[in-house]
Protein backbone atom coordinates (compact mmCIF):
# COMPACT_ATOMS: atom_id res chain seq x y z
CA MET A 1 -6.61 -5.91 3.72
CA ALA A 2 -8.09 -9.70 2.22
CA ARG A 3 -11.66 -8.81 2.39
CA THR A 4 -10.44 -4.90 0.64
CA LEU A 5 -8.58 -7.30 -1.83
CA GLY A 6 -11.88 -9.47 -2.64
CA GLY A 7 -14.06 -6.83 -3.15
CA VAL A 8 -11.81 -4.81 -5.70
CA LEU A 9 -11.11 -8.28 -7.64
CA ALA A 10 -14.79 -9.27 -7.54
CA PHE A 11 -15.41 -5.25 -8.99
CA GLN A 12 -13.25 -5.87 -11.84
CA LEU A 13 -14.90 -9.46 -12.55
CA VAL A 14 -17.92 -7.35 -13.39
CA LEU A 15 -15.41 -4.50 -15.44
CA GLY A 16 -13.80 -7.30 -17.37
CA GLY A 17 -17.47 -8.14 -18.47
CA LEU A 18 -18.22 -4.62 -19.11
CA LEU A 19 -14.97 -4.32 -21.26
CA ILE A 20 -15.30 -7.70 -23.04
CA VAL A 21 -18.88 -6.28 -24.58
CA GLY A 22 -17.41 -2.74 -25.11
CA ASP A 23 -14.47 -4.38 -27.27
CA MET A 24 -17.12 -6.18 -29.09
CA GLN A 25 -18.67 -2.82 -29.75
CA GLY A 26 -15.48 -0.99 -30.34
CA SER A 27 -15.61 1.55 -27.35
CA PHE A 28 -15.84 1.11 -23.74
CA ARG A 29 -16.53 3.32 -20.79
CA LEU A 30 -18.18 2.87 -17.60
CA PRO A 31 -21.25 4.56 -17.71
CA SER A 32 -21.83 8.39 -15.55
CA PHE A 33 -24.95 7.88 -12.85
CA GLY A 34 -27.34 10.51 -12.14
CA PRO A 35 -28.24 13.45 -13.72
CA ASP A 36 -25.84 16.86 -14.90
CA VAL A 37 -22.48 16.24 -13.02
CA PRO A 38 -21.27 19.92 -11.73
CA ARG A 39 -17.82 21.02 -12.37
CA THR A 40 -14.96 21.27 -10.10
CA SER A 41 -15.77 25.01 -9.74
CA GLU A 42 -18.65 24.40 -7.76
CA PRO A 43 -18.17 23.35 -3.60
CA VAL A 44 -18.17 20.13 -2.88
CA ARG A 45 -20.25 18.75 0.11
CA PRO A 46 -20.11 15.11 1.61
CA GLY A 47 -21.92 12.92 -0.91
CA ASP A 48 -21.79 15.21 -3.42
CA GLN A 49 -18.43 15.12 -4.45
CA ARG A 50 -17.96 13.85 -8.49
CA ARG A 51 -17.01 16.43 -10.77
CA VAL A 52 -16.80 16.62 -14.35
CA PHE A 53 -12.58 16.99 -14.89
CA ASP A 54 -11.42 18.90 -17.48
CA PRO A 55 -7.70 19.29 -16.53
CA ASP A 56 -7.55 22.10 -19.40
CA ARG A 57 -10.60 24.75 -18.07
CA ASP A 58 -11.35 23.47 -14.19
CA ARG A 59 -10.25 24.27 -11.16
CA PRO A 60 -11.26 24.16 -7.29
CA TYR A 61 -13.80 26.64 -6.12
CA VAL A 62 -11.56 28.01 -3.94
CA LYS A 63 -9.13 30.82 -5.14
CA PRO A 64 -5.73 29.90 -4.39
CA ALA A 65 -2.95 32.32 -3.10
CA ARG A 66 -0.95 32.08 -6.27
CA ASP A 67 -2.41 31.79 -9.85
CA PRO A 68 -0.29 28.93 -11.33
CA GLY A 69 -1.95 30.06 -15.00
CA ASP A 70 -1.54 27.10 -17.40
CA LEU A 71 0.18 24.25 -15.87
CA PRO A 72 3.56 22.49 -17.04
CA THR A 73 2.86 19.28 -18.97
CA ARG A 74 5.69 18.09 -17.56
CA LEU A 75 6.58 17.89 -14.07
CA THR A 76 8.46 20.93 -12.97
CA LEU A 77 10.75 21.08 -9.31
CA THR A 78 11.08 24.59 -8.37
CA GLN A 79 12.40 26.23 -5.02
CA GLU A 80 10.12 28.02 -2.68
CA GLU A 81 11.90 28.59 0.16
CA GLY A 82 14.70 27.61 2.29
CA THR A 83 14.28 23.67 1.93
CA THR A 84 10.31 23.75 0.86
CA TRP A 85 10.19 23.30 -3.33
CA ARG A 86 7.08 23.05 -5.53
CA LEU A 87 6.80 19.84 -7.58
CA GLU A 88 3.68 20.58 -10.29
CA GLY A 89 2.60 20.13 -13.30
CA ALA A 90 1.20 17.13 -15.56
CA ILE A 91 2.80 13.70 -14.83
CA SER A 92 4.56 12.87 -17.84
CA GLU A 93 6.35 9.43 -18.70
CA GLY A 94 9.80 9.53 -17.89
CA ASP A 95 9.31 12.00 -14.63
CA GLY A 96 9.45 9.85 -12.38
CA ASP A 97 13.50 9.35 -12.95
CA ARG A 98 13.95 12.92 -14.19
CA ILE A 99 12.55 14.04 -10.84
CA ALA A 100 14.46 11.57 -8.54
CA ASP A 101 17.73 12.57 -10.52
CA ARG A 102 16.86 16.49 -9.35
CA ILE A 103 16.26 15.83 -5.96
CA ALA A 104 19.49 13.92 -5.53
CA GLU A 105 21.67 16.32 -7.67
CA SER A 106 20.00 19.29 -5.75
CA GLU A 107 22.67 21.37 -3.61
CA THR A 108 19.65 22.44 -1.15
CA PRO A 109 18.45 19.82 0.80
CA ILE A 110 14.67 19.29 -0.25
CA GLU A 111 12.78 18.42 3.06
CA ALA A 112 9.02 19.09 1.84
CA LEU A 113 7.30 19.66 -1.78
CA ILE A 114 4.08 21.77 -2.28
CA LEU A 115 2.04 19.71 -4.95
CA GLN A 116 -0.19 20.73 -7.76
CA SER A 117 -0.96 18.14 -10.53
CA PRO A 118 -3.92 17.27 -12.84
CA GLY A 119 -2.21 13.87 -12.90
CA GLY A 120 -0.57 11.75 -15.39
CA SER A 121 1.58 8.48 -15.56
CA VAL A 122 0.66 6.32 -12.67
CA ARG A 123 3.39 4.25 -13.34
CA ASP A 124 6.18 7.68 -12.73
CA ALA A 125 3.70 9.02 -10.14
CA LEU A 126 4.33 5.29 -7.93
CA ALA A 127 8.10 5.57 -8.53
CA LEU A 128 8.56 8.85 -7.51
CA GLY A 129 6.19 8.75 -4.20
CA ARG A 130 8.76 5.75 -3.53
CA VAL A 131 11.65 8.13 -3.69
CA LEU A 132 10.02 10.91 -1.53
CA ARG A 133 9.55 8.31 0.81
CA ALA A 134 12.71 6.91 1.13
CA GLN A 135 14.46 10.57 0.74
CA GLY A 136 12.17 11.32 4.04
CA ILE A 137 10.38 14.50 2.32
CA GLU A 138 7.31 15.47 3.04
CA THR A 139 4.37 16.26 0.87
CA ARG A 140 2.10 19.84 1.03
CA MET A 141 -1.29 21.12 0.02
CA LEU A 142 -1.89 24.62 -0.18
CA SER A 143 -5.62 26.30 -0.12
CA GLY A 144 -7.07 26.19 -3.34
CA GLU A 145 -4.80 24.03 -5.20
CA PHE A 146 -5.62 20.95 -6.34
CA CYS A 147 -3.73 17.29 -6.61
CA TYR A 148 -5.83 14.85 -8.84
CA SER A 149 -5.62 11.57 -10.96
CA ALA A 150 -2.10 9.84 -10.40
CA CYS A 151 -1.10 12.89 -8.12
CA PRO A 152 -2.60 11.62 -4.78
CA TYR A 153 0.19 8.76 -5.03
CA LEU A 154 2.94 11.32 -5.02
CA LEU A 155 1.22 12.81 -2.27
CA ALA A 156 1.02 9.84 -0.66
CA GLY A 157 4.55 9.18 -0.72
CA GLY A 158 5.25 11.80 1.73
CA VAL A 159 6.89 10.97 4.94
CA THR A 160 4.54 13.40 6.60
CA ARG A 161 0.88 14.83 4.53
CA ASP A 162 -0.04 18.15 5.16
CA ILE A 163 -3.34 19.24 3.71
CA ASP A 164 -4.95 22.31 3.75
CA ASP A 165 -8.78 21.72 4.38
CA ASP A 166 -9.24 23.83 1.30
CA ALA A 167 -7.04 22.12 -0.94
CA SER A 168 -8.68 19.34 -3.44
CA VAL A 169 -7.52 15.83 -3.34
CA GLY A 170 -9.06 13.79 -6.12
CA VAL A 171 -9.22 10.23 -7.43
CA HIS A 172 -10.73 8.40 -10.36
CA GLN A 173 -10.38 5.34 -13.11
CA HIS A 174 -6.84 5.04 -14.50
CA TYR A 175 -6.13 3.86 -18.67
CA PHE A 176 -5.11 0.77 -17.98
CA GLY A 177 -5.20 -1.16 -20.96
CA GLU A 178 -6.65 1.54 -22.90
CA ASN A 179 -5.82 0.24 -26.09
CA THR A 180 -9.06 -1.27 -27.55
CA LEU A 181 -7.25 -2.28 -30.80
CA LEU A 182 -5.66 -5.13 -27.42
CA PRO A 183 -8.08 -7.93 -27.69
CA ALA A 184 -10.18 -7.81 -24.43
CA PHE A 185 -8.74 -10.05 -22.32
CA THR A 186 -5.64 -8.71 -22.53
CA ALA A 187 -7.09 -4.99 -21.63
CA VAL A 188 -8.95 -6.86 -18.81
CA GLU A 189 -5.30 -8.52 -17.25
CA ASP A 190 -3.84 -5.05 -17.96
CA ILE A 191 -6.54 -3.37 -15.33
CA GLN A 192 -5.81 -6.12 -13.01
CA PHE A 193 -2.40 -5.57 -13.04
CA GLY A 194 -2.22 -1.97 -12.48
CA GLN A 195 -4.80 -1.62 -9.78
CA GLY A 196 -3.04 -4.00 -8.01
CA GLU A 197 0.60 -2.19 -8.35
CA VAL A 198 -1.53 0.83 -6.95
CA MET A 199 -3.50 -1.12 -3.92
CA THR A 200 0.29 -2.75 -3.12
CA TYR A 201 1.72 0.90 -3.19
CA LEU A 202 -0.79 2.19 -1.39
CA ASP A 203 -0.70 -0.42 1.20
CA GLU A 204 2.95 0.41 1.70
CA MET A 205 2.60 4.16 1.93
CA GLY A 206 0.35 3.50 5.11
CA ILE A 207 -2.85 4.68 3.11
CA ASP A 208 -6.19 2.25 3.16
CA PRO A 209 -6.61 0.42 -0.09
CA LEU A 210 -10.22 0.80 0.25
CA VAL A 211 -9.56 4.44 -1.63
CA MET A 212 -9.65 2.77 -4.59
CA ARG A 213 -13.56 1.82 -4.63
CA HIS A 214 -13.74 5.76 -5.72
CA ALA A 215 -11.89 5.75 -8.38
CA LEU A 216 -13.27 2.30 -9.58
CA THR A 217 -16.41 4.10 -9.50
CA THR A 218 -15.90 7.17 -11.41
CA PRO A 219 -15.18 7.40 -14.99
CA PRO A 220 -12.18 9.01 -16.44
CA ASP A 221 -13.46 12.73 -17.42
CA GLU A 222 -14.71 13.11 -13.76
CA ILE A 223 -12.76 13.52 -10.51
CA TYR A 224 -14.32 12.00 -7.33
CA VAL A 225 -13.34 14.72 -4.59
CA LEU A 226 -12.12 13.43 -1.30
CA VAL A 227 -13.49 15.45 1.89
CA PRO A 228 -11.47 16.09 4.67
CA GLU A 229 -13.01 13.67 6.98
CA GLU A 230 -12.16 10.58 4.07
CA LEU A 231 -8.47 12.02 3.99
CA GLU A 232 -8.37 11.60 7.36
CA ARG A 233 -10.20 8.07 7.45
CA TYR A 234 -8.11 6.85 4.70
CA GLY A 235 -5.14 7.80 6.33
CA PHE A 236 -3.82 10.68 4.33
CA ILE A 237 -3.92 12.79 7.20
CA GLU A 238 -3.40 12.43 11.08
CA PRO A 239 -6.39 12.47 13.11
CA GLU A 240 -7.29 15.65 14.64
CA GLY A 241 -6.90 15.39 18.74
């Protein structure tokens, strides 16, 4: 854990330097690497996992069993079947407390949540993920459905996690300290504090914080899709056998 934190902090020092340069120039964005990055509608293979990410138009290449249409702009909790419910939509500010209240007030016990979300508020995802763990709720991902950006933190909150091989789980940089009107040193502080919160949370949930190396090196308009081997390696799913 100490070596992991040291490596991430070293990366953040470089990130801070780039941010200061970007602040002086009026903008900041880590560069994309390589030629044109394919869209999420194209198959993902080990070593070829970065995809252009536009939540309004991009979907995984595997067609899901159900067409969700346009996902809600806020998290929506609906009963799927029995004690299994569905939680989908963007994670907006205040959704953590709002959905936690819905779970507590539900007359039907919620034992499992099927997730689908393009991400959103990291702070709300972390708060709600802790609620899921405290309530002993399982999280699931179905074939052809996706969980990107801040959504994997909800996924991590499940007391157990069931992820179909053809589900799509992806990470990328978050917009910590994105306000370029703030001094660069303040933005760097926000980035470090936010990433520290995320790594602490992942460790609490039994997820290897080293998964953050993929997030930290993938720009916000792209997504790094974790293949099943990585989901197992970082602790999202149990090893087979």
